[in-house]
Amino acid sequence: MSKDSIRVEAYGSVDEINSALGLARSALSDREIGSILEEVQKDLFVAGADLAGNKKGQNVPRITRERVLELEGIIDRFESEVPQLRAFILPGGGGAGASLHFVRAVARRAERRIVTLSRKEDINEQLIPYVNRLSDLLFVIARVVNYREKQTEVEWHGR
């Protein structure tokens, strides 16, 4: 497979999420969130293997609908901890929060790569919702980390 194939781009982008998430985790002091993100990193290995392809005779682990629903439950739980948004916020805050906002952007790029791949080849249909929900989870967790660390969110109201 060519290094510039869309499949390699897709699973390479998932690897980028995982690496950026490792960097963000290194800035975290919150054990609960660190544990959740470690599980996400394990999911990302599954997603990468899933995207690399399920060759005949191989039993490749897959991202499941149940895991997508688990992420949604975590999102709901954390959203209740932070104030409701009234405007867009600028990515930032403390080191850990800002890093998580960056990982969210990397996840959005990976989602775009996976969507492109899905238009040309068959993939696990749960991968797109998983990465979509992952980026939402990262956004909420970035907000929670900043909230717990008493870092101010800067609202954007246009120019």
Protein backbone atom coordinates (compact mmCIF):
# COMPACT_ATOMS: atom_id res chain seq x y z
CA MET A 1 0.00 0.00 0.00
CA SER A 2 1.32 3.42 -0.94
CA LYS A 3 2.30 5.76 1.90
CA ASP A 4 0.02 8.44 0.44
CA SER A 5 -3.08 6.23 0.09
CA ILE A 6 -6.20 7.55 1.76
CA ARG A 7 -6.30 4.46 4.01
CA VAL A 8 -2.78 5.19 5.28
CA GLU A 9 -3.78 8.85 5.71
CA ALA A 10 -6.80 7.76 7.77
CA TYR A 11 -5.00 5.43 10.15
CA GLY A 12 -2.00 7.76 10.28
CA SER A 13 -4.35 10.53 11.44
CA VAL A 14 -5.67 8.24 14.18
CA ASP A 15 -2.06 7.66 15.24
CA GLU A 16 -1.63 11.45 15.40
CA ILE A 17 -4.61 11.69 17.76
CA ASN A 18 -3.05 9.05 19.98
CA SER A 19 0.33 10.78 20.09
CA ALA A 20 -1.19 14.21 20.76
CA LEU A 21 -3.38 12.65 23.46
CA GLY A 22 -0.30 11.14 25.11
CA LEU A 23 1.28 14.58 25.18
CA ALA A 24 -1.89 16.13 26.65
CA ARG A 25 -2.11 13.39 29.29
CA SER A 26 1.44 14.21 30.39
CA ALA A 27 0.22 17.71 31.34
CA LEU A 28 -2.74 16.40 33.37
CA SER A 29 -2.82 16.07 37.12
CA ASP A 30 -6.43 14.80 37.24
CA ARG A 31 -6.30 11.01 37.67
CA GLU A 32 -9.95 10.43 36.74
CA ILE A 33 -9.60 12.20 33.41
CA GLY A 34 -6.18 10.66 32.81
CA SER A 35 -7.69 7.20 33.25
CA ILE A 36 -10.51 7.95 30.81
CA LEU A 37 -8.04 9.26 28.24
CA GLU A 38 -5.81 6.20 28.66
CA GLU A 39 -8.80 4.04 27.71
CA VAL A 40 -9.36 6.28 24.70
CA GLN A 41 -5.73 5.73 23.68
CA LYS A 42 -6.37 1.99 23.77
CA ASP A 43 -9.47 2.55 21.61
CA LEU A 44 -7.34 4.44 19.14
CA PHE A 45 -5.08 1.40 18.67
CA VAL A 46 -8.23 -0.59 17.92
CA ALA A 47 -9.42 2.09 15.48
CA GLY A 48 -6.04 2.16 13.74
CA ALA A 49 -6.01 -1.62 13.34
CA ASP A 50 -9.62 -1.49 12.15
CA LEU A 51 -8.72 1.12 9.53
CA ALA A 52 -5.58 -0.72 8.44
CA GLY A 53 -7.90 -3.40 7.12
CA ASN A 54 -9.29 -6.73 8.09
CA LYS A 55 -7.36 -9.19 5.96
CA LYS A 56 -8.76 -12.65 5.37
CA GLY A 57 -8.05 -14.96 8.27
CA GLN A 58 -7.24 -12.12 10.70
CA ASN A 59 -9.39 -11.32 13.68
CA VAL A 60 -8.94 -7.56 14.01
CA PRO A 61 -10.61 -5.83 16.99
CA ARG A 62 -13.23 -3.26 16.03
CA ILE A 63 -14.77 -0.12 17.45
CA THR A 64 -18.36 -0.96 18.43
CA ARG A 65 -21.61 0.94 18.78
CA GLU A 66 -21.47 0.17 22.51
CA ARG A 67 -18.17 2.04 22.81
CA VAL A 68 -19.65 5.04 20.98
CA LEU A 69 -22.53 5.03 23.49
CA GLU A 70 -20.06 4.83 26.38
CA LEU A 71 -18.33 7.98 25.09
CA GLU A 72 -21.72 9.72 24.89
CA GLY A 73 -22.38 8.83 28.52
CA ILE A 74 -19.02 10.26 29.59
CA ILE A 75 -19.72 13.44 27.60
CA ASP A 76 -23.11 13.86 29.30
CA ARG A 77 -21.59 13.36 32.75
CA PHE A 78 -18.84 15.94 32.20
CA GLU A 79 -21.09 18.49 30.46
CA SER A 80 -23.11 18.75 33.65
CA GLU A 81 -20.00 19.92 35.52
CA VAL A 82 -19.22 23.01 33.44
CA PRO A 83 -21.29 26.13 32.78
CA GLN A 84 -23.44 26.01 29.66
CA LEU A 85 -21.85 27.76 26.69
CA ARG A 86 -23.36 31.09 25.64
CA ALA A 87 -20.82 31.76 22.89
CA PHE A 88 -17.92 30.15 21.08
CA ILE A 89 -14.79 29.92 23.19
CA LEU A 90 -11.21 30.32 22.09
CA PRO A 91 -9.13 27.15 22.49
CA GLY A 92 -6.81 27.68 25.42
CA GLY A 93 -6.71 27.76 29.19
CA GLY A 94 -4.01 26.03 31.18
CA GLY A 95 -1.44 23.72 29.62
CA ALA A 96 -3.54 20.57 29.92
CA GLY A 97 -6.75 22.24 28.72
CA ALA A 98 -5.07 23.91 25.76
CA SER A 99 -3.41 20.60 24.82
CA LEU A 100 -6.78 18.86 24.87
CA HIS A 101 -8.26 21.54 22.61
CA PHE A 102 -5.40 20.82 20.19
CA VAL A 103 -6.09 17.07 20.31
CA ARG A 104 -9.74 17.84 19.51
CA ALA A 105 -8.67 19.62 16.33
CA VAL A 106 -6.45 16.67 15.37
CA ALA A 107 -9.44 14.35 15.93
CA ARG A 108 -11.59 16.50 13.63
CA ARG A 109 -8.94 16.20 10.91
CA ALA A 110 -8.83 12.42 11.38
CA GLU A 111 -12.61 12.33 11.08
CA ARG A 112 -12.38 14.11 7.72
CA ARG A 113 -9.77 11.59 6.51
CA ILE A 114 -11.95 8.67 7.62
CA VAL A 115 -15.00 10.14 5.86
CA THR A 116 -12.96 10.49 2.66
CA LEU A 117 -11.86 6.86 2.94
CA SER A 118 -15.45 5.72 3.59
CA ARG A 119 -16.53 7.27 0.28
CA LYS A 120 -14.05 5.09 -1.61
CA GLU A 121 -13.80 1.90 0.44
CA ASP A 122 -15.78 -0.09 2.97
CA ILE A 123 -14.90 0.63 6.59
CA ASN A 124 -16.40 -0.20 9.97
CA GLU A 125 -19.48 2.04 10.10
CA GLN A 126 -18.83 2.83 13.78
CA LEU A 127 -15.49 4.55 13.14
CA ILE A 128 -16.96 7.86 11.97
CA PRO A 129 -19.39 8.24 14.90
CA TYR A 130 -16.64 7.16 17.31
CA VAL A 131 -14.14 9.79 16.14
CA ASN A 132 -16.90 12.40 16.00
CA ARG A 133 -17.92 11.71 19.58
CA LEU A 134 -14.26 11.56 20.59
CA SER A 135 -13.71 15.12 19.40
CA ASP A 136 -16.79 16.20 21.38
CA LEU A 137 -15.46 14.37 24.43
CA LEU A 138 -12.08 16.09 24.10
CA PHE A 139 -13.79 19.48 23.90
CA VAL A 140 -15.82 18.82 27.04
CA ILE A 141 -12.86 17.39 28.92
CA ALA A 142 -10.74 20.41 27.95
CA ARG A 143 -13.45 22.61 29.43
CA VAL A 144 -13.66 20.49 32.59
CA VAL A 145 -9.89 20.53 33.08
CA ASN A 146 -9.82 24.31 32.68
CA TYR A 147 -12.82 24.68 35.01
CA ARG A 148 -11.25 22.48 37.70
CA GLU A 149 -7.98 24.41 37.36
CA LYS A 150 -9.88 27.73 37.54
CA GLN A 151 -8.67 28.75 34.07
CA THR A 152 -10.90 31.32 32.40
CA GLU A 153 -12.57 30.51 29.09
CA VAL A 154 -12.35 33.39 26.65
CA GLU A 155 -15.57 33.84 24.71
CA TRP A 156 -15.45 34.84 21.05
CA HIS A 157 -18.11 37.27 19.91
CA GLY A 158 -16.70 38.19 16.52
CA ARG A 159 -14.96 41.39 15.69
